[in-house]
Amino acid sequence: MKRCVMATAIMLSGAFGGVATAKEVAVCHGFGVYATEPLTKINCKIGDADNYKQTTLYALTKAGWSIHAVTPIKSGYDDITYIYLEK
């Protein structure tokens, strides 16, 4: 699942980023629809970092990140929302 999400983020960066432009990509996730609220804490993996950073969408967009895709996933009893950002 984790590899699938990272592969999707790489494909999205190529699709949105243009041919010659290198963009930084972040993949964030949180629980349910609350993950898309500006001040809700979400976990983000920026670039090829090994660990996640906890932040908010408000802080990311204020720092110059833009949201390119939001993918809700139902996994058993959990609703997880993945958010793909680019800078």
PDB file of N, CA and C in Angstrom:
ATOM      1  N   MET A   1       0.822  -1.184   0.000  1.00  0.00           N
ATOM      2  CA  MET A   1       0.000   0.000   0.000  1.00  0.00           C
ATOM      3  C   MET A   1       0.867   1.249   0.000  1.00  0.00           C
ATOM      4  N   LYS A   2       1.907   1.253   0.855  1.00  0.00           N
ATOM      5  CA  LYS A   2       2.789   2.406   0.950  1.00  0.00           C
ATOM      6  C   LYS A   2       3.514   2.651  -0.377  1.00  0.00           C
ATOM      7  N   ARG A   3       3.973   1.575  -1.017  1.00  0.00           N
ATOM      8  CA  ARG A   3       4.659   1.721  -2.298  1.00  0.00           C
ATOM      9  C   ARG A   3       3.713   2.228  -3.372  1.00  0.00           C
ATOM     10  N   CYS A   4       2.466   1.762  -3.327  1.00  0.00           N
ATOM     11  CA  CYS A   4       1.466   2.198  -4.293  1.00  0.00           C
ATOM     12  C   CYS A   4       1.216   3.698  -4.148  1.00  0.00           C
ATOM     13  N   VAL A   5       1.129   4.176  -2.914  1.00  0.00           N
ATOM     14  CA  VAL A   5       0.895   5.601  -2.673  1.00  0.00           C
ATOM     15  C   VAL A   5       2.073   6.424  -3.156  1.00  0.00           C
ATOM     16  N   MET A   6       3.296   5.977  -2.863  1.00  0.00           N
ATOM     17  CA  MET A   6       4.474   6.728  -3.314  1.00  0.00           C
ATOM     18  C   MET A   6       4.587   6.704  -4.836  1.00  0.00           C
ATOM     19  N   ALA A   7       4.267   5.577  -5.469  1.00  0.00           N
ATOM     20  CA  ALA A   7       4.309   5.502  -6.925  1.00  0.00           C
ATOM     21  C   ALA A   7       3.287   6.447  -7.533  1.00  0.00           C
ATOM     22  N   THR A   8       2.115   6.522  -6.920  1.00  0.00           N
ATOM     23  CA  THR A   8       1.087   7.439  -7.402  1.00  0.00           C
ATOM     24  C   THR A   8       1.566   8.874  -7.276  1.00  0.00           C
ATOM     25  N   ALA A   9       2.223   9.204  -6.179  1.00  0.00           N
ATOM     26  CA  ALA A   9       2.736  10.557  -5.986  1.00  0.00           C
ATOM     27  C   ALA A   9       3.786  10.894  -7.033  1.00  0.00           C
ATOM     28  N   ILE A  10       4.623   9.946  -7.369  1.00  0.00           N
ATOM     29  CA  ILE A  10       5.641  10.179  -8.397  1.00  0.00           C
ATOM     30  C   ILE A  10       4.985  10.383  -9.750  1.00  0.00           C
ATOM     31  N   MET A  11       3.971   9.570 -10.061  1.00  0.00           N
ATOM     32  CA  MET A  11       3.261   9.739 -11.333  1.00  0.00           C
ATOM     33  C   MET A  11       2.554  11.081 -11.379  1.00  0.00           C
ATOM     34  N   LEU A  12       1.937  11.487 -10.255  1.00  0.00           N
ATOM     35  CA  LEU A  12       1.267  12.777 -10.215  1.00  0.00           C
ATOM     36  C   LEU A  12       2.252  13.916 -10.402  1.00  0.00           C
ATOM     37  N   SER A  13       3.438  13.786  -9.823  1.00  0.00           N
ATOM     38  CA  SER A  13       4.414  14.859  -9.972  1.00  0.00           C
ATOM     39  C   SER A  13       4.851  14.984 -11.426  1.00  0.00           C
ATOM     40  N   GLY A  14       4.941  13.874 -12.139  1.00  0.00           N
ATOM     41  CA  GLY A  14       5.273  13.925 -13.561  1.00  0.00           C
ATOM     42  C   GLY A  14       4.138  14.488 -14.382  1.00  0.00           C
ATOM     43  N   ALA A  15       2.914  14.131 -14.043  1.00  0.00           N
ATOM     44  CA  ALA A  15       1.758  14.602 -14.797  1.00  0.00           C
ATOM     45  C   ALA A  15       1.514  16.082 -14.593  1.00  0.00           C
ATOM     46  N   PHE A  16       1.697  16.575 -13.374  1.00  0.00           N
ATOM     47  CA  PHE A  16       1.427  17.977 -13.097  1.00  0.00           C
ATOM     48  C   PHE A  16       2.666  18.859 -13.213  1.00  0.00           C
ATOM     49  N   GLY A  17       3.829  18.264 -13.105  1.00  0.00           N
ATOM     50  CA  GLY A  17       5.044  19.048 -12.985  1.00  0.00           C
ATOM     51  C   GLY A  17       5.667  19.502 -14.284  1.00  0.00           C
ATOM     52  N   GLY A  18       5.253  19.016 -15.414  1.00  0.00           N
ATOM     53  CA  GLY A  18       5.885  19.390 -16.664  1.00  0.00           C
ATOM     54  C   GLY A  18       7.088  18.513 -16.939  1.00  0.00           C
ATOM     55  N   VAL A  19       7.704  18.719 -18.073  1.00  0.00           N
ATOM     56  CA  VAL A  19       8.789  17.848 -18.508  1.00  0.00           C
ATOM     57  C   VAL A  19      10.105  18.193 -17.828  1.00  0.00           C
ATOM     58  N   ALA A  20      10.486  19.454 -17.814  1.00  0.00           N
ATOM     59  CA  ALA A  20      11.813  19.821 -17.352  1.00  0.00           C
ATOM     60  C   ALA A  20      11.825  20.387 -15.931  1.00  0.00           C
ATOM     61  N   THR A  21      10.690  20.468 -15.284  1.00  0.00           N
ATOM     62  CA  THR A  21      10.618  21.085 -13.973  1.00  0.00           C
ATOM     63  C   THR A  21      10.672  20.028 -12.875  1.00  0.00           C
ATOM     64  N   ALA A  22      11.587  20.206 -11.941  1.00  0.00           N
ATOM     65  CA  ALA A  22      11.668  19.291 -10.801  1.00  0.00           C
ATOM     66  C   ALA A  22      10.831  19.879  -9.676  1.00  0.00           C
ATOM     67  N   LYS A  23       9.910  19.103  -9.171  1.00  0.00           N
ATOM     68  CA  LYS A  23       9.028  19.550  -8.096  1.00  0.00           C
ATOM     69  C   LYS A  23       9.235  18.673  -6.874  1.00  0.00           C
ATOM     70  N   GLU A  24       9.037  19.258  -5.730  1.00  0.00           N
ATOM     71  CA  GLU A  24       9.088  18.496  -4.486  1.00  0.00           C
ATOM     72  C   GLU A  24       7.682  17.984  -4.215  1.00  0.00           C
ATOM     73  N   VAL A  25       7.568  16.714  -3.833  1.00  0.00           N
ATOM     74  CA  VAL A  25       6.274  16.074  -3.635  1.00  0.00           C
ATOM     75  C   VAL A  25       6.132  15.647  -2.181  1.00  0.00           C
ATOM     76  N   ALA A  26       4.927  15.814  -1.646  1.00  0.00           N
ATOM     77  CA  ALA A  26       4.616  15.350  -0.292  1.00  0.00           C
ATOM     78  C   ALA A  26       3.369  14.487  -0.347  1.00  0.00           C
ATOM     79  N   VAL A  27       3.370  13.418   0.421  1.00  0.00           N
ATOM     80  CA  VAL A  27       2.204  12.550   0.560  1.00  0.00           C
ATOM     81  C   VAL A  27       1.814  12.580   2.030  1.00  0.00           C
ATOM     82  N   CYS A  28       0.590  13.031   2.293  1.00  0.00           N
ATOM     83  CA  CYS A  28       0.107  13.144   3.665  1.00  0.00           C
ATOM     84  C   CYS A  28      -1.096  12.231   3.851  1.00  0.00           C
ATOM     85  N   HIS A  29      -1.341  11.849   5.096  1.00  0.00           N
ATOM     86  CA  HIS A  29      -2.536  11.061   5.376  1.00  0.00           C
ATOM     87  C   HIS A  29      -3.084  11.401   6.756  1.00  0.00           C
ATOM     88  N   GLY A  30      -4.396  11.246   6.842  1.00  0.00           N
ATOM     89  CA  GLY A  30      -5.094  11.478   8.097  1.00  0.00           C
ATOM     90  C   GLY A  30      -6.340  10.631   8.110  1.00  0.00           C
ATOM     91  N   PHE A  31      -7.138  10.765   9.148  1.00  0.00           N
ATOM     92  CA  PHE A  31      -8.315   9.920   9.301  1.00  0.00           C
ATOM     93  C   PHE A  31      -9.570  10.622   8.803  1.00  0.00           C
ATOM     94  N   GLY A  32     -10.263   9.969   7.878  1.00  0.00           N
ATOM     95  CA  GLY A  32     -11.553  10.425   7.382  1.00  0.00           C
ATOM     96  C   GLY A  32     -11.537  11.791   6.754  1.00  0.00           C
ATOM     97  N   VAL A  33     -12.703  12.411   6.717  1.00  0.00           N
ATOM     98  CA  VAL A  33     -12.837  13.732   6.095  1.00  0.00           C
ATOM     99  C   VAL A  33     -12.162  14.810   6.915  1.00  0.00           C
ATOM    100  N   TYR A  34     -11.861  14.519   8.176  1.00  0.00           N
ATOM    101  CA  TYR A  34     -11.210  15.509   9.027  1.00  0.00           C
ATOM    102  C   TYR A  34      -9.800  15.842   8.531  1.00  0.00           C
ATOM    103  N   ALA A  35      -9.194  14.950   7.787  1.00  0.00           N
ATOM    104  CA  ALA A  35      -7.836  15.179   7.279  1.00  0.00           C
ATOM    105  C   ALA A  35      -7.779  16.357   6.323  1.00  0.00           C
ATOM    106  N   THR A  36      -8.911  16.711   5.705  1.00  0.00           N
ATOM    107  CA  THR A  36      -8.916  17.812   4.743  1.00  0.00           C
ATOM    108  C   THR A  36      -9.236  19.155   5.386  1.00  0.00           C
ATOM    109  N   GLU A  37      -9.477  19.171   6.677  1.00  0.00           N
ATOM    110  CA  GLU A  37      -9.714  20.431   7.369  1.00  0.00           C
ATOM    111  C   GLU A  37      -8.373  21.127   7.620  1.00  0.00           C
ATOM    112  N   PRO A  38      -8.320  22.440   7.467  1.00  0.00           N
ATOM    113  CA  PRO A  38      -7.038  23.174   7.507  1.00  0.00           C
ATOM    114  C   PRO A  38      -6.209  23.011   8.770  1.00  0.00           C
ATOM    115  N   LEU A  39      -6.832  22.894   9.928  1.00  0.00           N
ATOM    116  CA  LEU A  39      -6.069  22.873  11.179  1.00  0.00           C
ATOM    117  C   LEU A  39      -5.969  21.499  11.829  1.00  0.00           C
ATOM    118  N   THR A  40      -6.414  20.454  11.128  1.00  0.00           N
ATOM    119  CA  THR A  40      -6.304  19.090  11.642  1.00  0.00           C
ATOM    120  C   THR A  40      -4.889  18.578  11.439  1.00  0.00           C
ATOM    121  N   LYS A  41      -4.315  17.953  12.456  1.00  0.00           N
ATOM    122  CA  LYS A  41      -2.968  17.381  12.342  1.00  0.00           C
ATOM    123  C   LYS A  41      -2.985  16.188  11.396  1.00  0.00           C
ATOM    124  N   ILE A  42      -2.065  16.186  10.432  1.00  0.00           N
ATOM    125  CA  ILE A  42      -1.908  15.078   9.498  1.00  0.00           C
ATOM    126  C   ILE A  42      -0.437  14.681   9.458  1.00  0.00           C
ATOM    127  N   ASN A  43      -0.165  13.469   9.023  1.00  0.00           N
ATOM    128  CA  ASN A  43       1.208  12.974   8.912  1.00  0.00           C
ATOM    129  C   ASN A  43       1.650  13.098   7.465  1.00  0.00           C
ATOM    130  N   CYS A  44       2.802  13.711   7.240  1.00  0.00           N
ATOM    131  CA  CYS A  44       3.297  13.943   5.885  1.00  0.00           C
ATOM    132  C   CYS A  44       4.693  13.372   5.693  1.00  0.00           C
ATOM    133  N   LYS A  45       4.885  12.785   4.537  1.00  0.00           N
ATOM    134  CA  LYS A  45       6.202  12.309   4.125  1.00  0.00           C
ATOM    135  C   LYS A  45       6.609  13.182   2.950  1.00  0.00           C
ATOM    136  N   ILE A  46       7.628  13.975   3.150  1.00  0.00           N
ATOM    137  CA  ILE A  46       8.048  14.941   2.142  1.00  0.00           C
ATOM    138  C   ILE A  46       9.255  14.399   1.395  1.00  0.00           C
ATOM    139  N   GLY A  47       9.122  14.343   0.069  1.00  0.00           N
ATOM    140  CA  GLY A  47      10.195  13.821  -0.762  1.00  0.00           C
ATOM    141  C   GLY A  47      10.479  12.371  -0.449  1.00  0.00           C
ATOM    142  N   ASP A  48      11.752  12.039  -0.332  1.00  0.00           N
ATOM    143  CA  ASP A  48      12.119  10.651  -0.035  1.00  0.00           C
ATOM    144  C   ASP A  48      12.571  10.480   1.420  1.00  0.00           C
ATOM    145  N   ALA A  49      12.049  11.323   2.296  1.00  0.00           N
ATOM    146  CA  ALA A  49      12.382  11.234   3.720  1.00  0.00           C
ATOM    147  C   ALA A  49      11.946   9.885   4.286  1.00  0.00           C
ATOM    148  N   ASP A  50      12.670   9.412   5.285  1.00  0.00           N
ATOM    149  CA  ASP A  50      12.359   8.121   5.904  1.00  0.00           C
ATOM    150  C   ASP A  50      11.251   8.201   6.947  1.00  0.00           C
ATOM    151  N   ASN A  51      11.032   9.386   7.507  1.00  0.00           N
ATOM    152  CA  ASN A  51      10.036   9.496   8.563  1.00  0.00           C
ATOM    153  C   ASN A  51       8.967  10.533   8.217  1.00  0.00           C
ATOM    154  N   TYR A  52       7.860  10.459   8.947  1.00  0.00           N
ATOM    155  CA  TYR A  52       6.738  11.365   8.734  1.00  0.00           C
ATOM    156  C   TYR A  52       6.867  12.583   9.635  1.00  0.00           C
ATOM    157  N   LYS A  53       6.349  13.690   9.153  1.00  0.00           N
ATOM    158  CA  LYS A  53       6.317  14.927   9.919  1.00  0.00           C
ATOM    159  C   LYS A  53       4.846  15.255  10.178  1.00  0.00           C
ATOM    160  N   GLN A  54       4.493  15.596  11.397  1.00  0.00           N
ATOM    161  CA  GLN A  54       3.118  15.950  11.691  1.00  0.00           C
ATOM    162  C   GLN A  54       2.938  17.452  11.501  1.00  0.00           C
ATOM    163  N   THR A  55       1.941  17.821  10.709  1.00  0.00           N
ATOM    164  CA  THR A  55       1.695  19.229  10.395  1.00  0.00           C
ATOM    165  C   THR A  55       0.218  19.409  10.051  1.00  0.00           C
ATOM    166  N   THR A  56      -0.145  20.570   9.540  1.00  0.00           N
ATOM    167  CA  THR A  56      -1.518  20.842   9.115  1.00  0.00           C
ATOM    168  C   THR A  56      -1.511  21.312   7.663  1.00  0.00           C
ATOM    169  N   LEU A  57      -2.658  21.206   7.002  1.00  0.00           N
ATOM    170  CA  LEU A  57      -2.751  21.706   5.630  1.00  0.00           C
ATOM    171  C   LEU A  57      -2.551  23.218   5.585  1.00  0.00           C
ATOM    172  N   TYR A  58      -2.995  23.905   6.627  1.00  0.00           N
ATOM    173  CA  TYR A  58      -2.803  25.352   6.684  1.00  0.00           C
ATOM    174  C   TYR A  58      -1.315  25.701   6.667  1.00  0.00           C
ATOM    175  N   ALA A  59      -0.530  25.020   7.482  1.00  0.00           N
ATOM    176  CA  ALA A  59       0.913  25.288   7.539  1.00  0.00           C
ATOM    177  C   ALA A  59       1.584  24.956   6.210  1.00  0.00           C
ATOM    178  N   LEU A  60       1.162  23.867   5.571  1.00  0.00           N
ATOM    179  CA  LEU A  60       1.763  23.477   4.290  1.00  0.00           C
ATOM    180  C   LEU A  60       1.449  24.482   3.193  1.00  0.00           C
ATOM    181  N   THR A  61       0.194  24.900   3.078  1.00  0.00           N
ATOM    182  CA  THR A  61      -0.159  25.850   2.021  1.00  0.00           C
ATOM    183  C   THR A  61       0.464  27.214   2.295  1.00  0.00           C
ATOM    184  N   LYS A  62       0.593  27.574   3.545  1.00  0.00           N
ATOM    185  CA  LYS A  62       1.260  28.839   3.895  1.00  0.00           C
ATOM    186  C   LYS A  62       2.746  28.796   3.511  1.00  0.00           C
ATOM    187  N   ALA A  63       3.337  27.594   3.539  1.00  0.00           N
ATOM    188  CA  ALA A  63       4.746  27.412   3.185  1.00  0.00           C
ATOM    189  C   ALA A  63       4.944  27.231   1.672  1.00  0.00           C
ATOM    190  N   GLY A  64       3.873  27.343   0.887  1.00  0.00           N
ATOM    191  CA  GLY A  64       4.025  27.284  -0.566  1.00  0.00           C
ATOM    192  C   GLY A  64       3.625  25.971  -1.217  1.00  0.00           C
ATOM    193  N   TRP A  65       3.104  25.031  -0.464  1.00  0.00           N
ATOM    194  CA  TRP A  65       2.657  23.759  -1.019  1.00  0.00           C
ATOM    195  C   TRP A  65       1.271  23.927  -1.625  1.00  0.00           C
ATOM    196  N   SER A  66       1.004  23.208  -2.699  1.00  0.00           N
ATOM    197  CA  SER A  66      -0.331  23.220  -3.298  1.00  0.00           C
ATOM    198  C   SER A  66      -0.861  21.788  -3.360  1.00  0.00           C
ATOM    199  N   ILE A  67      -2.156  21.655  -3.123  1.00  0.00           N
ATOM    200  CA  ILE A  67      -2.807  20.348  -3.112  1.00  0.00           C
ATOM    201  C   ILE A  67      -3.141  19.958  -4.544  1.00  0.00           C
ATOM    202  N   HIS A  68      -2.737  18.743  -4.931  1.00  0.00           N
ATOM    203  CA  HIS A  68      -3.003  18.273  -6.291  1.00  0.00           C
ATOM    204  C   HIS A  68      -4.006  17.138  -6.354  1.00  0.00           C
ATOM    205  N   ALA A  69      -4.137  16.375  -5.293  1.00  0.00           N
ATOM    206  CA  ALA A  69      -5.112  15.287  -5.296  1.00  0.00           C
ATOM    207  C   ALA A  69      -5.445  14.891  -3.865  1.00  0.00           C
ATOM    208  N   VAL A  70      -6.682  14.438  -3.675  1.00  0.00           N
ATOM    209  CA  VAL A  70      -7.139  13.919  -2.393  1.00  0.00           C
ATOM    210  C   VAL A  70      -7.803  12.583  -2.674  1.00  0.00           C
ATOM    211  N   THR A  71      -7.354  11.545  -1.988  1.00  0.00           N
ATOM    212  CA  THR A  71      -7.869  10.199  -2.222  1.00  0.00           C
ATOM    213  C   THR A  71      -8.357   9.589  -0.914  1.00  0.00           C
ATOM    214  N   PRO A  72      -9.688   9.445  -0.746  1.00  0.00           N
ATOM    215  CA  PRO A  72     -10.194   8.750   0.438  1.00  0.00           C
ATOM    216  C   PRO A  72     -10.161   7.239   0.216  1.00  0.00           C
ATOM    217  N   ILE A  73      -9.747   6.497   1.233  1.00  0.00           N
ATOM    218  CA  ILE A  73      -9.666   5.034   1.137  1.00  0.00           C
ATOM    219  C   ILE A  73     -10.365   4.430   2.347  1.00  0.00           C
ATOM    220  N   LYS A  74     -11.237   3.478   2.099  1.00  0.00           N
ATOM    221  CA  LYS A  74     -11.923   2.746   3.173  1.00  0.00           C
ATOM    222  C   LYS A  74     -11.141   1.466   3.408  1.00  0.00           C
ATOM    223  N   SER A  75     -10.602   1.310   4.614  1.00  0.00           N
ATOM    224  CA  SER A  75      -9.809   0.136   4.950  1.00  0.00           C
ATOM    225  C   SER A  75     -10.391  -0.503   6.203  1.00  0.00           C
ATOM    226  N   GLY A  76     -11.246  -1.497   6.012  1.00  0.00           N
ATOM    227  CA  GLY A  76     -11.902  -2.103   7.164  1.00  0.00           C
ATOM    228  C   GLY A  76     -12.812  -1.101   7.835  1.00  0.00           C
ATOM    229  N   TYR A  77     -12.557  -0.815   9.103  1.00  0.00           N
ATOM    230  CA  TYR A  77     -13.352   0.170   9.829  1.00  0.00           C
ATOM    231  C   TYR A  77     -12.761   1.571   9.737  1.00  0.00           C
ATOM    232  N   ASP A  78     -11.573   1.686   9.198  1.00  0.00           N
ATOM    233  CA  ASP A  78     -10.889   2.980   9.136  1.00  0.00           C
ATOM    234  C   ASP A  78     -11.139   3.674   7.800  1.00  0.00           C
ATOM    235  N   ASP A  79     -11.335   4.981   7.864  1.00  0.00           N
ATOM    236  CA  ASP A  79     -11.374   5.817   6.677  1.00  0.00           C
ATOM    237  C   ASP A  79     -10.090   6.635   6.687  1.00  0.00           C
ATOM    238  N   ILE A  80      -9.252   6.436   5.689  1.00  0.00           N
ATOM    239  CA  ILE A  80      -7.978   7.144   5.604  1.00  0.00           C
ATOM    240  C   ILE A  80      -8.018   8.027   4.368  1.00  0.00           C
ATOM    241  N   THR A  81      -7.571   9.248   4.511  1.00  0.00           N
ATOM    242  CA  THR A  81      -7.530  10.170   3.396  1.00  0.00           C
ATOM    243  C   THR A  81      -6.077  10.496   3.082  1.00  0.00           C
ATOM    244  N   TYR A  82      -5.679  10.257   1.827  1.00  0.00           N
ATOM    245  CA  TYR A  82      -4.344  10.613   1.367  1.00  0.00           C
ATOM    246  C   TYR A  82      -4.421  11.926   0.610  1.00  0.00           C
ATOM    247  N   ILE A  83      -3.468  12.801   0.873  1.00  0.00           N
ATOM    248  CA  ILE A  83      -3.425  14.121   0.244  1.00  0.00           C
ATOM    249  C   ILE A  83      -2.061  14.251  -0.426  1.00  0.00           C
ATOM    250  N   TYR A  84      -2.065  14.560  -1.717  1.00  0.00           N
ATOM    251  CA  TYR A  84      -0.838  14.696  -2.489  1.00  0.00           C
ATOM    252  C   TYR A  84      -0.592  16.176  -2.730  1.00  0.00           C
ATOM    253  N   LEU A  85       0.595  16.650  -2.326  1.00  0.00           N
ATOM    254  CA  LEU A  85       0.939  18.061  -2.467  1.00  0.00           C
ATOM    255  C   LEU A  85       2.214  18.215  -3.276  1.00  0.00           C
ATOM    256  N   GLU A  86       2.385  19.411  -3.812  1.00  0.00           N
ATOM    257  CA  GLU A  86       3.567  19.711  -4.632  1.00  0.00           C
ATOM    258  C   GLU A  86       4.034  21.120  -4.330  1.00  0.00           C
ATOM    259  N   LYS A  87       5.342  21.310  -4.404  1.00  0.00           N
ATOM    260  CA  LYS A  87       5.930  22.628  -4.158  1.00  0.00           C
ATOM    261  C   LYS A  87       6.840  22.993  -5.296  1.00  0.00           C
TER     262      LYS A  87
END
